C-alpha atoms as a PDB file:
ATOM      1  CA  UNK A   1      -0.122   0.057  -0.178  1.00  0.00           C
ATOM      2  CA  UNK A   2       1.181   3.590  -0.806  1.00  0.00           C
ATOM      3  CA  UNK A   3       1.557   5.037   2.728  1.00  0.00           C
ATOM      4  CA  UNK A   4       1.369   9.682   1.375  1.00  0.00           C
ATOM      5  CA  UNK A   5       0.718  12.090   4.228  1.00  0.00           C
ATOM      6  CA  UNK A   6      -1.143  14.725   2.894  1.00  0.00           C
ATOM      7  CA  UNK A   7      -3.196  17.329   4.418  1.00  0.00           C
ATOM      8  CA  UNK A   8      -6.515  19.667   4.070  1.00  0.00           C
ATOM      9  CA  UNK A   9      -8.122  23.058   5.399  1.00  0.00           C
ATOM     10  CA  UNK A  10     -10.826  22.392   7.737  1.00  0.00           C
ATOM     11  CA  UNK A  11     -13.125  23.878   9.771  1.00  0.00           C
ATOM     12  CA  UNK A  12     -13.988  23.903  13.799  1.00  0.00           C
ATOM     13  CA  UNK A  13     -15.363  21.573  15.798  1.00  0.00           C
ATOM     14  CA  UNK A  14     -17.928  19.855  13.407  1.00  0.00           C
ATOM     15  CA  UNK A  15     -18.996  16.087  13.636  1.00  0.00           C
ATOM     16  CA  UNK A  16     -19.606  14.296  10.937  1.00  0.00           C
ATOM     17  CA  UNK A  17     -21.796  10.406  11.545  1.00  0.00           C
ATOM     18  CA  UNK A  18     -22.153   8.467   8.186  1.00  0.00           C
ATOM     19  CA  UNK A  19     -23.303   9.683   4.888  1.00  0.00           C
ATOM     20  CA  UNK A  20     -26.286  11.806   3.986  1.00  0.00           C
ATOM     21  CA  UNK A  21     -27.245  14.818   1.651  1.00  0.00           C
ATOM     22  CA  UNK A  22     -24.527  17.080   1.881  1.00  0.00           C
ATOM     23  CA  UNK A  23     -25.089  20.695   3.925  1.00  0.00           C
ATOM     24  CA  UNK A  24     -22.584  23.686   3.126  1.00  0.00           C
ATOM     25  CA  UNK A  25     -21.431  24.245   6.377  1.00  0.00           C
ATOM     26  CA  UNK A  26     -17.929  26.388   6.790  1.00  0.00           C
ATOM     27  CA  UNK A  27     -16.533  29.336   4.883  1.00  0.00           C
ATOM     28  CA  UNK A  28     -14.025  26.277   3.246  1.00  0.00           C
ATOM     29  CA  UNK A  29     -13.649  24.206   1.201  1.00  0.00           C
ATOM     30  CA  UNK A  30     -13.240  20.304   2.604  1.00  0.00           C
ATOM     31  CA  UNK A  31     -13.958  16.844   2.222  1.00  0.00           C
ATOM     32  CA  UNK A  32     -16.339  15.947   3.974  1.00  0.00           C
ATOM     33  CA  UNK A  33     -16.726  11.758   2.783  1.00  0.00           C
ATOM     34  CA  UNK A  34     -15.038   9.707   0.698  1.00  0.00           C
ATOM     35  CA  UNK A  35     -16.204   5.876  -0.710  1.00  0.00           C
ATOM     36  CA  UNK A  36     -14.588   3.336  -0.732  1.00  0.00           C
ATOM     37  CA  UNK A  37     -13.589   4.680   3.569  1.00  0.00           C
ATOM     38  CA  UNK A  38      -9.553   4.974   3.566  1.00  0.00           C
ATOM     39  CA  UNK A  39      -7.919   1.967   4.807  1.00  0.00           C
ATOM     40  CA  UNK A  40     -10.928  -0.077   3.890  1.00  0.00           C
ATOM     41  CA  UNK A  41     -10.768  -3.843   2.490  1.00  0.00           C
ATOM     42  CA  UNK A  42     -12.313  -6.626   0.190  1.00  0.00           C
ATOM     43  CA  UNK A  43     -13.573  -3.232  -1.449  1.00  0.00           C
ATOM     44  CA  UNK A  44     -15.002  -4.525  -5.416  1.00  0.00           C
ATOM     45  CA  UNK A  45     -12.915  -4.667  -8.460  1.00  0.00           C
ATOM     46  CA  UNK A  46     -15.771  -3.083 -10.092  1.00  0.00           C
ATOM     47  CA  UNK A  47     -16.747  -0.194  -7.678  1.00  0.00           C
ATOM     48  CA  UNK A  48     -17.463   3.299  -8.383  1.00  0.00           C
ATOM     49  CA  UNK A  49     -15.633   6.344  -6.121  1.00  0.00           C
ATOM     50  CA  UNK A  50     -17.056   9.259  -4.457  1.00  0.00           C
ATOM     51  CA  UNK A  51     -15.700  12.343  -3.222  1.00  0.00           C
ATOM     52  CA  UNK A  52     -18.455  14.350  -0.957  1.00  0.00           C
ATOM     53  CA  UNK A  53     -17.823  17.866  -0.579  1.00  0.00           C
ATOM     54  CA  UNK A  54     -19.207  20.876   1.664  1.00  0.00           C
ATOM     55  CA  UNK A  55     -19.842  22.870  -0.919  1.00  0.00           C
ATOM     56  CA  UNK A  56     -20.077  22.684  -4.370  1.00  0.00           C
ATOM     57  CA  UNK A  57     -17.580  21.909  -6.740  1.00  0.00           C
ATOM     58  CA  UNK A  58     -16.497  24.259  -9.391  1.00  0.00           C
ATOM     59  CA  UNK A  59     -15.880  21.829 -12.409  1.00  0.00           C
ATOM     60  CA  UNK A  60     -13.710  23.445 -14.047  1.00  0.00           C
ATOM     61  CA  UNK A  61     -11.149  23.121 -11.561  1.00  0.00           C
ATOM     62  CA  UNK A  62     -11.781  18.625 -11.851  1.00  0.00           C
ATOM     63  CA  UNK A  63      -9.681  18.152 -14.835  1.00  0.00           C
ATOM     64  CA  UNK A  64      -6.408  16.283 -13.333  1.00  0.00           C
ATOM     65  CA  UNK A  65      -7.350  17.083  -9.957  1.00  0.00           C
ATOM     66  CA  UNK A  66      -8.728  13.505  -9.158  1.00  0.00           C
ATOM     67  CA  UNK A  67      -7.212  10.479 -10.067  1.00  0.00           C
ATOM     68  CA  UNK A  68      -6.872   7.251  -8.806  1.00  0.00           C
ATOM     69  CA  UNK A  69      -3.230   4.831  -9.084  1.00  0.00           C
ATOM     70  CA  UNK A  70      -2.482   1.568  -8.919  1.00  0.00           C
ATOM     71  CA  UNK A  71       0.345   0.170  -5.766  1.00  0.00           C
ATOM     72  CA  UNK A  72       2.937   0.747  -8.166  1.00  0.00           C
ATOM     73  CA  UNK A  73       1.749   4.137  -8.959  1.00  0.00           C
ATOM     74  CA  UNK A  74       0.515   3.265 -12.240  1.00  0.00           C
ATOM     75  CA  UNK A  75      -2.561   5.444 -13.242  1.00  0.00           C
ATOM     76  CA  UNK A  76      -6.158   3.522 -13.453  1.00  0.00           C
ATOM     77  CA  UNK A  77      -7.931   5.220 -16.697  1.00  0.00           C
ATOM     78  CA  UNK A  78     -11.319   5.968 -15.236  1.00  0.00           C
ATOM     79  CA  UNK A  79     -14.279   8.463 -15.916  1.00  0.00           C
ATOM     80  CA  UNK A  80     -14.171  11.959 -13.282  1.00  0.00           C
ATOM     81  CA  UNK A  81     -17.540  14.032 -13.287  1.00  0.00           C
ATOM     82  CA  UNK A  82     -20.093  15.542 -10.841  1.00  0.00           C
ATOM     83  CA  UNK A  83     -22.618  14.440 -10.152  1.00  0.00           C
ATOM     84  CA  UNK A  84     -26.422  16.259 -10.260  1.00  0.00           C
ATOM     85  CA  UNK A  85     -25.770  17.406  -6.548  1.00  0.00           C
ATOM     86  CA  UNK A  86     -22.583  19.651  -7.617  1.00  0.00           C
ATOM     87  CA  UNK A  87     -21.532  18.404  -3.967  1.00  0.00           C
ATOM     88  CA  UNK A  88     -19.965  14.664  -5.111  1.00  0.00           C
ATOM     89  CA  UNK A  89     -17.428  13.943  -7.333  1.00  0.00           C
ATOM     90  CA  UNK A  90     -17.374  10.422  -9.233  1.00  0.00           C
ATOM     91  CA  UNK A  91     -14.633   8.970 -10.123  1.00  0.00           C
ATOM     92  CA  UNK A  92     -15.396   5.455 -12.535  1.00  0.00           C
ATOM     93  CA  UNK A  93     -12.391   3.635 -13.627  1.00  0.00           C
ATOM     94  CA  UNK A  94     -13.124   2.518 -17.055  1.00  0.00           C
ATOM     95  CA  UNK A  95     -12.477  -1.708 -16.109  1.00  0.00           C
ATOM     96  CA  UNK A  96     -12.336  -3.837 -13.534  1.00  0.00           C
ATOM     97  CA  UNK A  97      -9.639  -3.204 -11.063  1.00  0.00           C
ATOM     98  CA  UNK A  98      -7.233  -6.123 -10.033  1.00  0.00           C
ATOM     99  CA  UNK A  99      -8.019  -8.069  -7.258  1.00  0.00           C
ATOM    100  CA  UNK A 100      -5.987  -7.627  -3.939  1.00  0.00           C
ATOM    101  CA  UNK A 101      -5.123  -4.299  -4.845  1.00  0.00           C
ATOM    102  CA  UNK A 102      -4.054  -1.493  -3.151  1.00  0.00           C
ATOM    103  CA  UNK A 103      -4.755   1.931  -4.720  1.00  0.00           C
ATOM    104  CA  UNK A 104      -4.544   5.147  -3.959  1.00  0.00           C
ATOM    105  CA  UNK A 105      -7.973   8.036  -4.412  1.00  0.00           C
ATOM    106  CA  UNK A 106      -5.919  11.718  -4.992  1.00  0.00           C
ATOM    107  CA  UNK A 107      -7.624  14.673  -4.450  1.00  0.00           C
ATOM    108  CA  UNK A 108      -5.000  17.337  -5.594  1.00  0.00           C
ATOM    109  CA  UNK A 109      -4.004  20.619  -4.513  1.00  0.00           C
ATOM    110  CA  UNK A 110      -6.294  23.294  -6.359  1.00  0.00           C
ATOM    111  CA  UNK A 111      -9.464  21.260  -6.496  1.00  0.00           C
ATOM    112  CA  UNK A 112     -12.151  24.143  -5.915  1.00  0.00           C
ATOM    113  CA  UNK A 113     -15.605  24.450  -4.719  1.00  0.00           C
ATOM    114  CA  UNK A 114     -17.834  27.489  -4.515  1.00  0.00           C
ATOM    115  CA  UNK A 115     -15.758  28.517  -0.711  1.00  0.00           C
ATOM    116  CA  UNK A 116     -12.016  27.908  -2.047  1.00  0.00           C
ATOM    117  CA  UNK A 117      -9.723  25.913  -2.994  1.00  0.00           C
ATOM    118  CA  UNK A 118      -7.679  22.740  -1.769  1.00  0.00           C
ATOM    119  CA  UNK A 119      -4.380  23.502  -0.435  1.00  0.00           C
ATOM    120  CA  UNK A 120      -2.704  20.502  -0.556  1.00  0.00           C
ATOM    121  CA  UNK A 121      -3.534  17.037  -1.435  1.00  0.00           C
ATOM    122  CA  UNK A 122      -5.938  14.170  -0.007  1.00  0.00           C
ATOM    123  CA  UNK A 123      -5.554  10.669  -0.323  1.00  0.00           C
ATOM    124  CA  UNK A 124      -7.455   7.428   0.800  1.00  0.00           C
ATOM    125  CA  UNK A 125      -6.273   4.201   0.224  1.00  0.00           C
ATOM    126  CA  UNK A 126      -7.837   0.716   0.570  1.00  0.00           C
ATOM    127  CA  UNK A 127      -7.328  -2.569  -1.125  1.00  0.00           C
ATOM    128  CA  UNK A 128      -9.551  -4.797  -3.703  1.00  0.00           C
ATOM    129  CA  UNK A 129     -11.592  -8.011  -2.193  1.00  0.00           C
ATOM    130  CA  UNK A 130      -9.978 -11.207  -3.106  1.00  0.00           C
ATOM    131  CA  UNK A 131     -12.127 -13.304  -2.756  1.00  0.00           C
ATOM    132  CA  UNK A 132     -16.159 -14.067  -1.628  1.00  0.00           C
ATOM    133  CA  UNK A 133     -17.319 -12.184   1.538  1.00  0.00           C
ATOM    134  CA  UNK A 134     -20.073 -13.937   3.718  1.00  0.00           C
ATOM    135  CA  UNK A 135     -22.609 -13.589   2.025  1.00  0.00           C
ATOM    136  CA  UNK A 136     -26.072 -11.270   3.542  1.00  0.00           C
ATOM    137  CA  UNK A 137     -23.204  -9.524   4.997  1.00  0.00           C
ATOM    138  CA  UNK A 138     -23.952  -6.028   5.932  1.00  0.00           C
ATOM    139  CA  UNK A 139     -21.115  -3.163   6.630  1.00  0.00           C
ATOM    140  CA  UNK A 140     -21.006  -1.792  10.303  1.00  0.00           C
ATOM    141  CA  UNK A 141     -21.627   1.881  10.578  1.00  0.00           C
ATOM    142  CA  UNK A 142     -19.106   4.154  12.108  1.00  0.00           C
ATOM    143  CA  UNK A 143     -20.143   7.568  14.354  1.00  0.00           C
ATOM    144  CA  UNK A 144     -17.886   9.675  16.244  1.00  0.00           C
ATOM    145  CA  UNK A 145     -18.328  11.918  18.606  1.00  0.00           C
ATOM    146  CA  UNK A 146     -16.525  14.894  20.185  1.00  0.00           C
ATOM    147  CA  UNK A 147     -17.056  14.524  24.481  1.00  0.00           C
ATOM    148  CA  UNK A 148     -14.816  17.283  25.728  1.00  0.00           C
ATOM    149  CA  UNK A 149     -16.419  20.526  24.195  1.00  0.00           C
ATOM    150  CA  UNK A 150     -13.138  22.623  24.030  1.00  0.00           C
ATOM    151  CA  UNK A 151     -10.008  21.242  22.250  1.00  0.00           C
ATOM    152  CA  UNK A 152      -6.507  22.811  24.115  1.00  0.00           C
ATOM    153  CA  UNK A 153      -3.130  22.466  22.930  1.00  0.00           C
ATOM    154  CA  UNK A 154      -0.838  19.492  25.431  1.00  0.00           C
ATOM    155  CA  UNK A 155      -3.862  18.291  27.032  1.00  0.00           C
ATOM    156  CA  UNK A 156      -5.737  15.347  25.828  1.00  0.00           C
ATOM    157  CA  UNK A 157      -9.009  15.292  24.092  1.00  0.00           C
ATOM    158  CA  UNK A 158     -11.177  12.259  23.964  1.00  0.00           C
ATOM    159  CA  UNK A 159     -13.260  11.189  21.108  1.00  0.00           C
ATOM    160  CA  UNK A 160     -15.886   8.352  21.499  1.00  0.00           C
ATOM    161  CA  UNK A 161     -16.845   6.146  18.391  1.00  0.00           C
ATOM    162  CA  UNK A 162     -19.176   3.885  21.479  1.00  0.00           C
ATOM    163  CA  UNK A 163     -22.355   4.605  19.131  1.00  0.00           C
ATOM    164  CA  UNK A 164     -20.594   2.800  15.906  1.00  0.00           C
ATOM    165  CA  UNK A 165     -22.444  -0.235  15.090  1.00  0.00           C
ATOM    166  CA  UNK A 166     -22.891  -3.708  13.279  1.00  0.00           C
ATOM    167  CA  UNK A 167     -26.170  -4.746  12.081  1.00  0.00           C
ATOM    168  CA  UNK A 168     -25.144  -8.380  12.506  1.00  0.00           C
ATOM    169  CA  UNK A 169     -24.820  -7.377  16.029  1.00  0.00           C
ATOM    170  CA  UNK A 170     -20.367  -8.411  14.867  1.00  0.00           C
ATOM    171  CA  UNK A 171     -17.985  -7.501  17.365  1.00  0.00           C
ATOM    172  CA  UNK A 172     -16.473  -3.785  15.937  1.00  0.00           C
ATOM    173  CA  UNK A 173     -12.544  -3.467  15.374  1.00  0.00           C
ATOM    174  CA  UNK A 174     -11.906   0.230  15.712  1.00  0.00           C
ATOM    175  CA  UNK A 175      -9.494   2.445  13.901  1.00  0.00           C
ATOM    176  CA  UNK A 176      -7.962   6.384  14.395  1.00  0.00           C
ATOM    177  CA  UNK A 177      -6.181   8.023  12.507  1.00  0.00           C
ATOM    178  CA  UNK A 178      -5.040  12.606  12.295  1.00  0.00           C
ATOM    179  CA  UNK A 179      -6.359  12.794   8.427  1.00  0.00           C
ATOM    180  CA  UNK A 180      -5.395  15.811   8.528  1.00  0.00           C
ATOM    181  CA  UNK A 181      -4.039  18.962  11.295  1.00  0.00           C
ATOM    182  CA  UNK A 182      -2.052  21.863  10.940  1.00  0.00           C
ATOM    183  CA  UNK A 183       2.117  22.139  10.058  1.00  0.00           C
ATOM    184  CA  UNK A 184       4.079  21.630  13.587  1.00  0.00           C
ATOM    185  CA  UNK A 185       4.329  18.525  15.424  1.00  0.00           C
ATOM    186  CA  UNK A 186       1.861  15.801  14.629  1.00  0.00           C
ATOM    187  CA  UNK A 187      -1.377  14.811  17.109  1.00  0.00           C
ATOM    188  CA  UNK A 188      -0.811  12.183  19.822  1.00  0.00           C
ATOM    189  CA  UNK A 189      -3.327   9.170  19.905  1.00  0.00           C
ATOM    190  CA  UNK A 190      -3.766   6.961  22.671  1.00  0.00           C
ATOM    191  CA  UNK A 191      -5.510   3.938  22.466  1.00  0.00           C
ATOM    192  CA  UNK A 192      -6.685   4.704  18.467  1.00  0.00           C
ATOM    193  CA  UNK A 193      -7.231   0.792  18.169  1.00  0.00           C
ATOM    194  CA  UNK A 194     -11.120   1.529  20.899  1.00  0.00           C
ATOM    195  CA  UNK A 195     -13.760   3.054  21.065  1.00  0.00           C
ATOM    196  CA  UNK A 196     -12.381   6.244  22.740  1.00  0.00           C
ATOM    197  CA  UNK A 197      -9.531   7.925  21.904  1.00  0.00           C
ATOM    198  CA  UNK A 198      -7.292  10.329  23.415  1.00  0.00           C
ATOM    199  CA  UNK A 199      -6.099  13.472  21.425  1.00  0.00           C
ATOM    200  CA  UNK A 200      -3.516  15.834  22.389  1.00  0.00           C
ATOM    201  CA  UNK A 201      -2.844  18.381  19.598  1.00  0.00           C
ATOM    202  CA  UNK A 202       0.655  19.686  19.374  1.00  0.00           C
ATOM    203  CA  UNK A 203       0.495  22.793  18.309  1.00  0.00           C
ATOM    204  CA  UNK A 204      -2.974  25.255  17.883  1.00  0.00           C
ATOM    205  CA  UNK A 205      -5.012  24.990  14.438  1.00  0.00           C
ATOM    206  CA  UNK A 206      -8.229  22.555  12.996  1.00  0.00           C
ATOM    207  CA  UNK A 207      -7.500  19.181  12.813  1.00  0.00           C
ATOM    208  CA  UNK A 208      -9.685  16.533  11.176  1.00  0.00           C
ATOM    209  CA  UNK A 209      -9.862  12.842  12.909  1.00  0.00           C
ATOM    210  CA  UNK A 210     -11.687   9.587  11.166  1.00  0.00           C
ATOM    211  CA  UNK A 211     -12.739   7.066  12.438  1.00  0.00           C
ATOM    212  CA  UNK A 212     -13.377   3.199  10.693  1.00  0.00           C
ATOM    213  CA  UNK A 213     -14.681   0.740  11.994  1.00  0.00           C
ATOM    214  CA  UNK A 214     -14.121  -3.092  10.634  1.00  0.00           C
ATOM    215  CA  UNK A 215     -16.609  -6.774  11.400  1.00  0.00           C
ATOM    216  CA  UNK A 216     -14.005  -8.756  10.499  1.00  0.00           C
ATOM    217  CA  UNK A 217     -14.505  -8.605   6.946  1.00  0.00           C
ATOM    218  CA  UNK A 218     -16.370  -5.818   6.213  1.00  0.00           C
ATOM    219  CA  UNK A 219     -15.237  -1.988   6.899  1.00  0.00           C
ATOM    220  CA  UNK A 220     -17.121   1.341   7.407  1.00  0.00           C
ATOM    221  CA  UNK A 221     -17.753   4.365   6.053  1.00  0.00           C
ATOM    222  CA  UNK A 222     -14.705   6.064   7.446  1.00  0.00           C
ATOM    223  CA  UNK A 223     -16.432   9.489   9.666  1.00  0.00           C
ATOM    224  CA  UNK A 224     -14.873  12.691  11.079  1.00  0.00           C
ATOM    225  CA  UNK A 225     -14.962  15.416  14.193  1.00  0.00           C
ATOM    226  CA  UNK A 226     -13.314  18.343  13.101  1.00  0.00           C
ATOM    227  CA  UNK A 227     -11.875  20.279  16.539  1.00  0.00           C
ATOM    228  CA  UNK A 228     -10.526  23.974  17.027  1.00  0.00           C
ATOM    229  CA  UNK A 229      -7.919  23.766  18.963  1.00  0.00           C
ATOM    230  CA  UNK A 230      -6.082  26.506  21.122  1.00  0.00           C
ATOM    231  CA  UNK A 231      -3.392  27.299  23.320  1.00  0.00           C
ATOM    232  CA  UNK A 232      -5.036  27.288  27.401  1.00  0.00           C
ATOM    233  CA  UNK A 233      -6.171  30.136  29.762  1.00  0.00           C
ATOM    234  CA  UNK A 234      -3.170  29.390  31.795  1.00  0.00           C
ATOM    235  CA  UNK A 235      -1.262  28.869  28.657  1.00  0.00           C
ATOM    236  CA  UNK A 236       2.160  30.562  28.123  1.00  0.00           C
ATOM    237  CA  UNK A 237       2.328  30.348  24.381  1.00  0.00           C
END
């Protein structure tokens, strides 16, 4: 799998749970959902990829700004379009994807919407299926929320994924990650494989933390918690 780090500009104090009709939520252009989710496995080889944003997309900025690569960084021929809702991009590979193969979707710097443009690349990785998945199995649903109302630098902030669930009541595996953050020392995640994660920001600014849950066969869509962190009242910085 490709392992690339990217940043995106985000907005404060917003929790996104699952997929729904897109809503304009800020004065910054940012992604609010990617499907397949980052880190997903057993993705069908005939899947189409989608990315939903928080404001209508500028059609003129799309060409060359959305692409898919395999694990050898070979470009996958695909048709890219903006769906009728105006908020969602679709990438449809022209041929079936390879089985048991890692892929990376890139939303490149400069991709724009009504409220601005992405300042740097956003990337999301997934792996295609190599065999059958249990008949009738449904993907779990992730839910994430910020427990502590205020985030202070160098102080732990709790995020809770405990409302995530699996339709078949299978036990869930949790994977939290830092999707984006300000430049500087990386935020610290403690217990990132449990339902409640402790996040400690090292620098002030806007953070996006992602959660994916897995039932052992299928992964959920990734959901995001966006939070704004600042120096505490007793900090000297």
